[in-house]
């Protein structure tokens, strides 16, 4: 019965996690929401270059204890993208995958991260076009509230970026199978033809 919010920052000592992550999580946990946190694998590396030298698993685990939150241990983020009503990130590539669901995406603008990570301007522009950009925890919480109240806001931009990045999303397997049948000079099975002919699923 609760909305589910996914926070999935990228890795870096300059990521939103290091700069404002705990304040953001405290604000999220104080709301009537389920909170999922998916760390980049390198954020679990204790070396300063990757995590800023912070034991994020222990720190976030302690904060979430007894609250409506979960630190995800799975390597695969896909089930949690599907579960989330709103996603918050900074510059994780998972944000682009989330666009396929056409749900609100909140991007935390972290100038230090952009500078130190040498993020390509085209990459940054696409993510900005498809999300609501914020500068801190309070703005992020407001953006989540707005996304939950009107999930359709920004849909056209999200779909446009997804269409640009993903070719006929959801049909790759069926199209590959159809091609293999062609190479083998076999008549494709009917359902493979049906799925291969589908329009993009975005």
N, C-alpha and C. Protein backbone atom coordinates (compact mmCIF):
# COMPACT_ATOMS: atom_id res chain seq x y z
N UNK A 1 0.81 -1.21 0.00
CA UNK A 1 0.00 0.00 0.00
C UNK A 1 0.85 1.27 0.00
N UNK A 2 2.15 1.14 0.19
CA UNK A 2 3.04 2.30 0.20
C UNK A 2 3.71 2.47 -1.16
N UNK A 3 3.94 3.70 -1.60
CA UNK A 3 4.79 3.91 -2.77
C UNK A 3 6.21 3.44 -2.46
N UNK A 4 6.91 3.02 -3.49
CA UNK A 4 8.28 2.54 -3.33
C UNK A 4 9.25 3.46 -4.06
N UNK A 5 10.27 3.92 -3.34
CA UNK A 5 11.26 4.83 -3.89
C UNK A 5 12.60 4.11 -3.95
N UNK A 6 13.24 4.14 -5.09
CA UNK A 6 14.55 3.50 -5.28
C UNK A 6 15.62 4.58 -5.38
N UNK A 7 16.64 4.47 -4.53
CA UNK A 7 17.80 5.35 -4.60
C UNK A 7 18.97 4.53 -5.12
N UNK A 8 19.48 4.89 -6.29
CA UNK A 8 20.56 4.12 -6.92
C UNK A 8 21.64 5.08 -7.42
N UNK A 9 22.54 5.51 -6.53
CA UNK A 9 23.61 6.42 -6.94
C UNK A 9 24.73 5.68 -7.65
N UNK A 10 25.50 6.41 -8.42
CA UNK A 10 26.69 5.81 -9.03
C UNK A 10 27.80 5.75 -7.99
N UNK A 11 28.91 5.15 -8.37
CA UNK A 11 30.05 5.06 -7.45
C UNK A 11 30.99 6.24 -7.69
N UNK A 12 31.55 6.73 -6.62
CA UNK A 12 32.58 7.77 -6.67
C UNK A 12 32.67 8.39 -5.29
N UNK A 13 33.83 8.84 -4.92
CA UNK A 13 33.96 9.59 -3.68
C UNK A 13 33.23 10.92 -3.78
N UNK A 14 32.85 11.31 -5.01
CA UNK A 14 32.11 12.56 -5.24
C UNK A 14 30.65 12.32 -5.59
N UNK A 15 30.15 11.11 -5.36
CA UNK A 15 28.76 10.81 -5.72
C UNK A 15 27.80 11.46 -4.75
N UNK A 16 26.53 11.46 -5.12
CA UNK A 16 25.50 12.01 -4.23
C UNK A 16 25.46 11.23 -2.91
N UNK A 17 25.80 9.95 -2.96
CA UNK A 17 25.82 9.14 -1.75
C UNK A 17 26.79 9.73 -0.73
N UNK A 18 27.98 10.09 -1.18
CA UNK A 18 29.00 10.63 -0.28
C UNK A 18 28.67 12.05 0.18
N UNK A 19 28.05 12.82 -0.69
CA UNK A 19 27.85 14.23 -0.40
C UNK A 19 26.58 14.49 0.41
N UNK A 20 25.52 13.75 0.12
CA UNK A 20 24.25 14.03 0.80
C UNK A 20 23.39 12.78 1.01
N UNK A 21 23.95 11.61 0.76
CA UNK A 21 23.16 10.38 0.77
C UNK A 21 22.45 10.09 2.07
N UNK A 22 23.13 10.27 3.20
CA UNK A 22 22.50 9.93 4.48
C UNK A 22 21.36 10.89 4.81
N UNK A 23 21.55 12.17 4.51
CA UNK A 23 20.46 13.13 4.74
C UNK A 23 19.26 12.82 3.86
N UNK A 24 19.53 12.44 2.62
CA UNK A 24 18.45 12.06 1.71
C UNK A 24 17.70 10.84 2.24
N UNK A 25 18.45 9.83 2.67
CA UNK A 25 17.81 8.61 3.14
C UNK A 25 16.99 8.85 4.41
N UNK A 26 17.49 9.70 5.29
CA UNK A 26 16.72 10.02 6.50
C UNK A 26 15.39 10.66 6.11
N UNK A 27 15.43 11.58 5.14
CA UNK A 27 14.20 12.22 4.68
C UNK A 27 13.24 11.24 4.04
N UNK A 28 13.77 10.33 3.24
CA UNK A 28 12.93 9.32 2.58
C UNK A 28 12.27 8.40 3.61
N UNK A 29 13.06 7.98 4.59
CA UNK A 29 12.55 7.04 5.59
C UNK A 29 11.53 7.69 6.52
N UNK A 30 11.56 9.01 6.62
CA UNK A 30 10.57 9.71 7.45
C UNK A 30 9.22 9.86 6.76
N UNK A 31 9.18 9.57 5.47
CA UNK A 31 7.92 9.64 4.72
C UNK A 31 7.23 8.28 4.72
N UNK A 32 5.95 8.25 4.36
CA UNK A 32 5.22 6.97 4.34
C UNK A 32 5.49 6.19 3.05
N UNK A 33 6.78 5.90 2.83
CA UNK A 33 7.20 5.23 1.60
C UNK A 33 8.08 4.03 1.94
N UNK A 34 8.11 3.07 1.04
CA UNK A 34 9.13 2.03 1.08
C UNK A 34 10.37 2.58 0.40
N UNK A 35 11.54 2.32 0.97
CA UNK A 35 12.78 2.86 0.44
C UNK A 35 13.73 1.71 0.11
N UNK A 36 14.15 1.66 -1.15
CA UNK A 36 15.13 0.69 -1.60
C UNK A 36 16.42 1.43 -1.94
N UNK A 37 17.55 0.87 -1.54
CA UNK A 37 18.85 1.45 -1.87
C UNK A 37 19.65 0.40 -2.62
N UNK A 38 20.04 0.74 -3.84
CA UNK A 38 20.89 -0.16 -4.63
C UNK A 38 22.23 0.54 -4.86
N UNK A 39 23.25 0.08 -4.14
CA UNK A 39 24.57 0.65 -4.29
C UNK A 39 25.26 0.08 -5.52
N UNK A 40 26.06 0.91 -6.16
CA UNK A 40 26.96 0.40 -7.18
C UNK A 40 27.95 -0.53 -6.49
N UNK A 41 28.36 -1.60 -7.17
CA UNK A 41 29.28 -2.56 -6.55
C UNK A 41 30.54 -1.88 -6.03
N UNK A 42 31.01 -0.86 -6.74
CA UNK A 42 32.26 -0.20 -6.32
C UNK A 42 32.06 0.67 -5.07
N UNK A 43 30.82 1.02 -4.77
CA UNK A 43 30.57 1.75 -3.52
C UNK A 43 30.75 0.85 -2.30
N UNK A 44 30.82 -0.45 -2.54
CA UNK A 44 31.07 -1.40 -1.45
C UNK A 44 32.56 -1.66 -1.25
N UNK A 45 33.37 -1.09 -2.12
CA UNK A 45 34.82 -1.22 -2.02
C UNK A 45 35.33 -0.20 -1.01
N UNK A 46 36.02 -0.62 0.05
CA UNK A 46 36.40 0.32 1.12
C UNK A 46 37.49 1.32 0.74
N UNK A 47 38.11 1.15 -0.42
CA UNK A 47 39.17 2.08 -0.79
C UNK A 47 38.59 3.46 -1.09
N UNK A 48 39.26 4.52 -0.66
CA UNK A 48 38.72 5.89 -0.79
C UNK A 48 38.35 6.28 -2.21
N UNK A 49 39.09 5.81 -3.21
CA UNK A 49 38.80 6.20 -4.59
C UNK A 49 37.42 5.76 -5.01
N UNK A 50 36.95 4.63 -4.49
CA UNK A 50 35.66 4.08 -4.91
C UNK A 50 34.50 4.51 -4.02
N UNK A 51 34.69 4.41 -2.71
CA UNK A 51 33.58 4.65 -1.77
C UNK A 51 33.79 5.88 -0.90
N UNK A 52 34.94 6.53 -1.07
CA UNK A 52 35.29 7.60 -0.14
C UNK A 52 35.79 7.05 1.18
N UNK A 53 36.06 5.74 1.22
CA UNK A 53 36.55 5.10 2.44
C UNK A 53 35.47 4.85 3.47
N UNK A 54 34.20 4.85 3.04
CA UNK A 54 33.07 4.67 3.96
C UNK A 54 32.51 3.25 3.83
N UNK A 55 32.21 2.64 4.94
CA UNK A 55 31.53 1.34 4.95
C UNK A 55 30.03 1.60 4.80
N UNK A 56 29.58 1.75 3.56
CA UNK A 56 28.20 2.13 3.31
C UNK A 56 27.21 1.05 3.71
N UNK A 57 27.61 -0.20 3.58
CA UNK A 57 26.70 -1.28 3.95
C UNK A 57 26.33 -1.19 5.42
N UNK A 58 27.32 -1.00 6.28
CA UNK A 58 27.05 -0.90 7.72
C UNK A 58 26.29 0.38 8.05
N UNK A 59 26.71 1.47 7.43
CA UNK A 59 26.12 2.77 7.75
C UNK A 59 24.66 2.84 7.34
N UNK A 60 24.37 2.40 6.11
CA UNK A 60 22.98 2.43 5.64
C UNK A 60 22.15 1.38 6.36
N UNK A 61 22.73 0.22 6.60
CA UNK A 61 22.01 -0.84 7.31
C UNK A 61 21.56 -0.38 8.68
N UNK A 62 22.43 0.32 9.39
CA UNK A 62 22.08 0.81 10.72
C UNK A 62 20.96 1.85 10.65
N UNK A 63 21.02 2.72 9.64
CA UNK A 63 19.99 3.74 9.49
C UNK A 63 18.63 3.13 9.18
N UNK A 64 18.63 2.06 8.40
CA UNK A 64 17.36 1.46 7.96
C UNK A 64 16.79 0.46 8.94
N UNK A 65 17.55 0.09 9.94
CA UNK A 65 17.09 -0.92 10.88
C UNK A 65 15.75 -0.54 11.52
N UNK A 66 14.78 -1.42 11.36
CA UNK A 66 13.46 -1.19 11.92
C UNK A 66 12.59 -0.23 11.14
N UNK A 67 13.08 0.22 9.98
CA UNK A 67 12.33 1.17 9.15
C UNK A 67 11.85 0.47 7.89
N UNK A 68 11.04 1.18 7.10
CA UNK A 68 10.50 0.62 5.86
C UNK A 68 11.50 0.79 4.73
N UNK A 69 12.70 0.21 4.93
CA UNK A 69 13.74 0.34 3.93
C UNK A 69 14.54 -0.94 3.79
N UNK A 70 15.17 -1.07 2.65
CA UNK A 70 15.99 -2.27 2.40
C UNK A 70 17.21 -1.90 1.58
N UNK A 71 18.37 -2.31 2.03
CA UNK A 71 19.59 -2.19 1.25
C UNK A 71 19.71 -3.45 0.40
N UNK A 72 19.70 -3.28 -0.89
CA UNK A 72 19.67 -4.43 -1.81
C UNK A 72 21.06 -5.05 -1.93
N UNK A 73 21.11 -6.36 -1.77
CA UNK A 73 22.37 -7.09 -1.92
C UNK A 73 22.51 -7.72 -3.29
N UNK A 74 21.40 -7.87 -4.00
CA UNK A 74 21.45 -8.52 -5.31
C UNK A 74 22.29 -7.71 -6.30
N UNK A 75 22.94 -8.41 -7.23
CA UNK A 75 23.70 -7.73 -8.28
C UNK A 75 22.76 -7.15 -9.34
N UNK A 76 21.62 -7.81 -9.55
CA UNK A 76 20.69 -7.42 -10.61
C UNK A 76 19.71 -6.37 -10.09
N UNK A 77 19.75 -5.18 -10.69
CA UNK A 77 18.85 -4.10 -10.24
C UNK A 77 17.47 -4.19 -10.87
N UNK A 78 17.30 -5.00 -11.91
CA UNK A 78 16.06 -4.99 -12.70
C UNK A 78 14.79 -5.21 -11.88
N UNK A 79 14.73 -6.19 -10.97
CA UNK A 79 13.48 -6.37 -10.21
C UNK A 79 13.12 -5.14 -9.37
N UNK A 80 14.13 -4.39 -8.97
CA UNK A 80 13.88 -3.23 -8.11
C UNK A 80 13.51 -2.01 -8.94
N UNK A 81 13.99 -1.95 -10.16
CA UNK A 81 13.50 -0.93 -11.08
C UNK A 81 12.00 -1.15 -11.32
N UNK A 82 11.63 -2.40 -11.51
CA UNK A 82 10.22 -2.71 -11.75
C UNK A 82 9.36 -2.40 -10.54
N UNK A 83 9.91 -2.54 -9.33
CA UNK A 83 9.14 -2.31 -8.11
C UNK A 83 8.98 -0.84 -7.77
N UNK A 84 9.88 0.01 -8.30
CA UNK A 84 9.93 1.41 -7.87
C UNK A 84 8.91 2.28 -8.58
N UNK A 85 8.23 3.13 -7.80
CA UNK A 85 7.33 4.13 -8.36
C UNK A 85 8.08 5.38 -8.80
N UNK A 86 9.18 5.66 -8.13
CA UNK A 86 10.06 6.78 -8.47
C UNK A 86 11.49 6.32 -8.22
N UNK A 87 12.40 6.74 -9.10
CA UNK A 87 13.82 6.43 -8.90
C UNK A 87 14.59 7.73 -8.71
N UNK A 88 15.55 7.70 -7.77
CA UNK A 88 16.47 8.81 -7.55
C UNK A 88 17.88 8.32 -7.86
N UNK A 89 18.62 9.10 -8.62
CA UNK A 89 20.01 8.76 -8.91
C UNK A 89 20.80 10.05 -9.08
N UNK A 90 22.07 9.91 -9.43
CA UNK A 90 22.86 11.06 -9.83
C UNK A 90 23.24 10.87 -11.29
N UNK A 91 24.15 9.92 -11.54
CA UNK A 91 24.47 9.65 -12.94
C UNK A 91 24.68 8.16 -13.19
N UNK A 92 23.90 7.34 -12.52
CA UNK A 92 23.97 5.90 -12.75
C UNK A 92 23.31 5.56 -14.09
N UNK A 93 23.94 4.67 -14.83
CA UNK A 93 23.36 4.25 -16.12
C UNK A 93 22.04 3.52 -15.90
N UNK A 94 21.79 3.04 -14.69
CA UNK A 94 20.51 2.38 -14.41
C UNK A 94 19.35 3.34 -14.60
N UNK A 95 19.61 4.64 -14.49
CA UNK A 95 18.56 5.61 -14.73
C UNK A 95 18.01 5.52 -16.14
N UNK A 96 18.88 5.22 -17.10
CA UNK A 96 18.43 5.08 -18.47
C UNK A 96 17.54 3.83 -18.62
N UNK A 97 17.92 2.75 -17.95
CA UNK A 97 17.09 1.55 -18.00
C UNK A 97 15.70 1.82 -17.41
N UNK A 98 15.67 2.64 -16.38
CA UNK A 98 14.40 2.94 -15.71
C UNK A 98 13.45 3.68 -16.64
N UNK A 99 13.99 4.38 -17.63
CA UNK A 99 13.14 5.13 -18.56
C UNK A 99 12.20 4.21 -19.33
N UNK A 100 12.57 2.95 -19.49
CA UNK A 100 11.72 2.01 -20.21
C UNK A 100 10.38 1.80 -19.51
N UNK A 101 10.33 2.10 -18.22
CA UNK A 101 9.09 1.96 -17.46
C UNK A 101 8.25 3.24 -17.49
N UNK A 102 8.83 4.32 -18.00
CA UNK A 102 8.14 5.62 -18.08
C UNK A 102 7.57 6.04 -16.73
N UNK A 103 8.43 6.02 -15.73
CA UNK A 103 8.06 6.48 -14.40
C UNK A 103 9.00 7.62 -13.99
N UNK A 104 8.61 8.44 -13.02
CA UNK A 104 9.41 9.61 -12.66
C UNK A 104 10.84 9.27 -12.22
N UNK A 105 11.77 10.03 -12.78
CA UNK A 105 13.19 9.88 -12.45
C UNK A 105 13.69 11.20 -11.91
N UNK A 106 14.31 11.16 -10.74
CA UNK A 106 14.88 12.35 -10.10
C UNK A 106 16.39 12.25 -10.19
N UNK A 107 17.01 13.30 -10.76
CA UNK A 107 18.47 13.32 -10.92
C UNK A 107 19.07 14.35 -9.97
N UNK A 108 19.95 13.90 -9.09
CA UNK A 108 20.65 14.83 -8.20
C UNK A 108 21.85 15.39 -8.95
N UNK A 109 21.88 16.69 -9.09
CA UNK A 109 22.98 17.36 -9.79
C UNK A 109 24.15 17.52 -8.83
N UNK A 110 25.27 16.89 -9.18
CA UNK A 110 26.48 16.94 -8.34
C UNK A 110 27.63 17.41 -9.22
N UNK A 111 27.92 18.72 -9.22
CA UNK A 111 28.98 19.24 -10.09
C UNK A 111 30.33 18.55 -9.91
N UNK A 112 30.68 18.21 -8.66
CA UNK A 112 31.97 17.55 -8.41
C UNK A 112 32.04 16.21 -9.11
N UNK A 113 30.91 15.51 -9.11
CA UNK A 113 30.87 14.19 -9.76
C UNK A 113 31.05 14.34 -11.26
N UNK A 114 30.38 15.31 -11.84
CA UNK A 114 30.49 15.54 -13.29
C UNK A 114 31.93 15.88 -13.67
N UNK A 115 32.57 16.71 -12.86
CA UNK A 115 33.95 17.12 -13.15
C UNK A 115 34.93 15.96 -12.99
N UNK A 116 34.82 15.22 -11.90
CA UNK A 116 35.80 14.17 -11.62
C UNK A 116 35.57 12.90 -12.44
N UNK A 117 34.34 12.70 -12.90
CA UNK A 117 34.04 11.48 -13.66
C UNK A 117 34.16 11.66 -15.16
N UNK A 118 34.40 12.89 -15.60
CA UNK A 118 34.55 13.16 -17.03
C UNK A 118 33.35 12.64 -17.82
N UNK A 119 32.16 12.95 -17.34
CA UNK A 119 30.93 12.49 -17.98
C UNK A 119 30.74 13.21 -19.31
N UNK A 120 30.44 12.46 -20.35
CA UNK A 120 30.25 13.05 -21.68
C UNK A 120 29.04 13.99 -21.67
N UNK A 121 29.18 15.15 -22.30
CA UNK A 121 28.05 16.11 -22.32
C UNK A 121 26.78 15.51 -22.90
N UNK A 122 26.89 14.65 -23.91
CA UNK A 122 25.70 14.04 -24.52
C UNK A 122 24.97 13.16 -23.52
N UNK A 123 25.72 12.44 -22.72
CA UNK A 123 25.16 11.57 -21.69
C UNK A 123 24.42 12.41 -20.66
N UNK A 124 25.06 13.48 -20.24
CA UNK A 124 24.47 14.37 -19.25
C UNK A 124 23.19 15.00 -19.78
N UNK A 125 23.23 15.46 -21.03
CA UNK A 125 22.06 16.11 -21.62
C UNK A 125 20.86 15.15 -21.69
N UNK A 126 21.12 13.91 -22.08
CA UNK A 126 20.03 12.94 -22.18
C UNK A 126 19.39 12.69 -20.82
N UNK A 127 20.23 12.53 -19.80
CA UNK A 127 19.68 12.26 -18.48
C UNK A 127 18.92 13.47 -17.95
N UNK A 128 19.42 14.65 -18.23
CA UNK A 128 18.72 15.86 -17.79
C UNK A 128 17.37 16.00 -18.48
N UNK A 129 17.32 15.67 -19.77
CA UNK A 129 16.07 15.78 -20.52
C UNK A 129 15.00 14.83 -19.97
N UNK A 130 15.45 13.70 -19.45
CA UNK A 130 14.50 12.65 -19.06
C UNK A 130 14.14 12.65 -17.58
N UNK A 131 14.69 13.60 -16.82
CA UNK A 131 14.50 13.57 -15.38
C UNK A 131 14.19 14.95 -14.82
N UNK A 132 13.87 14.98 -13.54
CA UNK A 132 13.75 16.25 -12.82
C UNK A 132 15.05 16.44 -12.05
N UNK A 133 15.79 17.50 -12.34
CA UNK A 133 17.08 17.75 -11.70
C UNK A 133 16.91 18.52 -10.41
N UNK A 134 17.64 18.10 -9.38
CA UNK A 134 17.58 18.75 -8.07
C UNK A 134 19.01 18.93 -7.56
N UNK A 135 19.14 19.78 -6.54
CA UNK A 135 20.47 20.11 -6.03
C UNK A 135 20.75 19.60 -4.62
N UNK A 136 19.76 19.09 -3.94
CA UNK A 136 19.96 18.63 -2.58
C UNK A 136 18.84 17.77 -2.08
N UNK A 137 18.95 17.27 -0.84
CA UNK A 137 17.94 16.35 -0.30
C UNK A 137 16.53 16.92 -0.27
N UNK A 138 16.38 18.16 0.17
CA UNK A 138 15.03 18.73 0.27
C UNK A 138 14.37 18.83 -1.10
N UNK A 139 15.14 19.28 -2.10
CA UNK A 139 14.59 19.35 -3.46
C UNK A 139 14.27 17.96 -3.98
N UNK A 140 15.10 16.98 -3.65
CA UNK A 140 14.85 15.61 -4.10
C UNK A 140 13.55 15.08 -3.50
N UNK A 141 13.32 15.34 -2.22
CA UNK A 141 12.09 14.88 -1.58
C UNK A 141 10.86 15.55 -2.20
N UNK A 142 10.98 16.84 -2.48
CA UNK A 142 9.88 17.55 -3.15
C UNK A 142 9.61 16.96 -4.53
N UNK A 143 10.69 16.62 -5.25
CA UNK A 143 10.53 16.05 -6.59
C UNK A 143 9.88 14.68 -6.54
N UNK A 144 10.20 13.90 -5.52
CA UNK A 144 9.56 12.59 -5.35
C UNK A 144 8.07 12.78 -5.08
N UNK A 145 7.74 13.71 -4.21
CA UNK A 145 6.32 14.00 -3.93
C UNK A 145 5.59 14.37 -5.21
N UNK A 146 6.23 15.21 -6.01
CA UNK A 146 5.62 15.67 -7.26
C UNK A 146 5.45 14.50 -8.23
N UNK A 147 6.46 13.65 -8.30
CA UNK A 147 6.38 12.49 -9.19
C UNK A 147 5.28 11.52 -8.79
N UNK A 148 5.12 11.33 -7.49
CA UNK A 148 4.07 10.43 -7.01
C UNK A 148 2.68 11.02 -7.26
N UNK A 149 2.56 12.34 -7.15
CA UNK A 149 1.25 12.96 -7.33
C UNK A 149 0.85 13.03 -8.80
N UNK A 150 1.85 13.09 -9.71
CA UNK A 150 1.53 13.14 -11.14
C UNK A 150 2.62 12.40 -11.92
N UNK A 151 2.53 11.06 -11.96
CA UNK A 151 3.57 10.27 -12.64
C UNK A 151 3.67 10.55 -14.13
N UNK A 152 2.64 11.13 -14.72
CA UNK A 152 2.67 11.38 -16.17
C UNK A 152 3.49 12.61 -16.54
N UNK A 153 3.78 13.47 -15.57
CA UNK A 153 4.56 14.67 -15.86
C UNK A 153 5.96 14.27 -16.35
N UNK A 154 6.36 14.81 -17.49
CA UNK A 154 7.66 14.49 -18.07
C UNK A 154 7.68 13.22 -18.90
N UNK A 155 6.51 12.58 -19.06
CA UNK A 155 6.46 11.31 -19.79
C UNK A 155 6.96 11.44 -21.23
N UNK A 156 6.58 12.50 -21.91
CA UNK A 156 6.98 12.66 -23.32
C UNK A 156 8.49 12.71 -23.45
N UNK A 157 9.15 13.42 -22.56
CA UNK A 157 10.62 13.51 -22.60
C UNK A 157 11.26 12.17 -22.27
N UNK A 158 10.72 11.47 -21.27
CA UNK A 158 11.27 10.16 -20.92
C UNK A 158 11.16 9.19 -22.08
N UNK A 159 10.01 9.18 -22.71
CA UNK A 159 9.78 8.25 -23.82
C UNK A 159 10.66 8.60 -25.02
N UNK A 160 10.86 9.89 -25.25
CA UNK A 160 11.70 10.31 -26.37
C UNK A 160 13.14 9.86 -26.17
N UNK A 161 13.66 10.02 -24.95
CA UNK A 161 15.03 9.58 -24.68
C UNK A 161 15.14 8.06 -24.75
N UNK A 162 14.15 7.36 -24.20
CA UNK A 162 14.16 5.90 -24.26
C UNK A 162 14.13 5.41 -25.70
N UNK A 163 13.31 6.04 -26.54
CA UNK A 163 13.24 5.66 -27.95
C UNK A 163 14.57 5.88 -28.66
N UNK A 164 15.28 6.93 -28.24
CA UNK A 164 16.58 7.24 -28.83
C UNK A 164 17.64 6.21 -28.43
N UNK A 165 17.55 5.71 -27.20
CA UNK A 165 18.58 4.82 -26.67
C UNK A 165 18.32 3.34 -26.93
N UNK A 166 17.05 2.95 -26.94
CA UNK A 166 16.72 1.53 -27.02
C UNK A 166 15.94 1.23 -28.29
N UNK A 167 16.47 0.36 -29.12
CA UNK A 167 15.81 0.01 -30.38
C UNK A 167 14.79 -1.10 -30.14
N UNK A 168 13.52 -0.78 -30.35
CA UNK A 168 12.44 -1.75 -30.22
C UNK A 168 12.56 -2.54 -28.92
N UNK A 169 12.58 -1.81 -27.83
CA UNK A 169 12.80 -2.41 -26.50
C UNK A 169 11.82 -3.55 -26.23
N UNK A 170 12.35 -4.64 -25.70
CA UNK A 170 11.53 -5.79 -25.34
C UNK A 170 11.40 -6.83 -26.44
N UNK A 171 11.98 -6.56 -27.61
CA UNK A 171 11.81 -7.51 -28.73
C UNK A 171 13.12 -8.15 -29.18
N UNK A 172 14.22 -7.88 -28.51
CA UNK A 172 15.53 -8.35 -28.97
C UNK A 172 15.62 -9.88 -29.07
N UNK A 173 15.13 -10.57 -28.05
CA UNK A 173 15.24 -12.04 -28.05
C UNK A 173 14.45 -12.64 -29.20
N UNK A 174 13.23 -12.17 -29.39
CA UNK A 174 12.40 -12.72 -30.46
C UNK A 174 13.02 -12.43 -31.83
N UNK A 175 13.58 -11.23 -32.00
CA UNK A 175 14.20 -10.90 -33.28
C UNK A 175 15.46 -11.74 -33.52
N UNK A 176 16.23 -12.00 -32.45
CA UNK A 176 17.42 -12.85 -32.58
C UNK A 176 17.03 -14.28 -32.96
N UNK A 177 15.98 -14.79 -32.31
CA UNK A 177 15.51 -16.14 -32.63
C UNK A 177 15.05 -16.21 -34.09
N UNK A 178 14.32 -15.20 -34.54
CA UNK A 178 13.85 -15.18 -35.93
C UNK A 178 15.02 -15.18 -36.90
N UNK A 179 16.07 -14.42 -36.57
CA UNK A 179 17.26 -14.40 -37.43
C UNK A 179 17.94 -15.76 -37.47
N UNK A 180 18.01 -16.42 -36.32
CA UNK A 180 18.65 -17.74 -36.27
C UNK A 180 17.88 -18.76 -37.12
N UNK A 181 16.56 -18.67 -37.05
CA UNK A 181 15.77 -19.56 -37.91
C UNK A 181 16.08 -19.29 -39.38
N UNK A 182 16.27 -18.04 -39.74
CA UNK A 182 16.61 -17.70 -41.11
C UNK A 182 17.96 -18.25 -41.52
N UNK A 183 18.94 -18.13 -40.66
CA UNK A 183 20.28 -18.65 -40.95
C UNK A 183 20.24 -20.16 -41.12
N UNK A 184 19.42 -20.82 -40.29
CA UNK A 184 19.29 -22.27 -40.37
C UNK A 184 18.35 -22.72 -41.48
N UNK A 185 17.76 -21.73 -42.18
CA UNK A 185 16.82 -22.00 -43.27
C UNK A 185 15.65 -22.86 -42.81
N UNK A 186 15.14 -22.51 -41.63
CA UNK A 186 13.97 -23.17 -41.09
C UNK A 186 12.83 -22.18 -41.03
N UNK A 187 11.61 -22.70 -41.13
CA UNK A 187 10.44 -21.82 -40.99
C UNK A 187 10.32 -21.44 -39.53
N UNK A 188 10.26 -20.13 -39.23
CA UNK A 188 10.16 -19.73 -37.82
C UNK A 188 8.85 -20.17 -37.19
N UNK A 189 8.91 -20.45 -35.91
CA UNK A 189 7.69 -20.83 -35.21
C UNK A 189 6.77 -19.61 -35.14
N UNK A 190 5.46 -19.81 -35.20
CA UNK A 190 4.53 -18.67 -35.31
C UNK A 190 4.69 -17.60 -34.25
N UNK A 191 4.87 -18.00 -32.98
CA UNK A 191 4.92 -16.97 -31.94
C UNK A 191 6.21 -16.15 -32.04
N UNK A 192 7.29 -16.70 -32.61
CA UNK A 192 8.51 -15.92 -32.80
C UNK A 192 8.29 -14.83 -33.83
N UNK A 193 7.54 -15.16 -34.89
CA UNK A 193 7.23 -14.15 -35.91
C UNK A 193 6.37 -13.04 -35.31
N UNK A 194 5.40 -13.42 -34.48
CA UNK A 194 4.50 -12.44 -33.88
C UNK A 194 5.27 -11.45 -33.01
N UNK A 195 6.15 -11.98 -32.15
CA UNK A 195 6.87 -11.09 -31.25
C UNK A 195 7.90 -10.25 -31.99
N UNK A 196 8.52 -10.79 -33.02
CA UNK A 196 9.51 -10.04 -33.77
C UNK A 196 8.89 -8.88 -34.51
N UNK A 197 7.61 -8.99 -34.83
CA UNK A 197 6.93 -7.93 -35.58
C UNK A 197 6.35 -6.84 -34.70
N UNK A 198 6.46 -7.01 -33.40
CA UNK A 198 5.87 -6.05 -32.46
C UNK A 198 6.47 -4.65 -32.62
N UNK A 199 5.65 -3.69 -32.24
CA UNK A 199 6.15 -2.32 -32.15
C UNK A 199 7.00 -2.19 -30.87
N UNK A 200 7.82 -1.15 -30.76
CA UNK A 200 8.64 -0.97 -29.56
C UNK A 200 7.79 -0.94 -28.29
N UNK A 201 8.32 -1.59 -27.24
CA UNK A 201 7.64 -1.61 -25.96
C UNK A 201 8.36 -0.62 -25.06
N UNK A 202 7.81 0.57 -24.90
CA UNK A 202 8.46 1.60 -24.08
C UNK A 202 7.44 2.18 -23.11
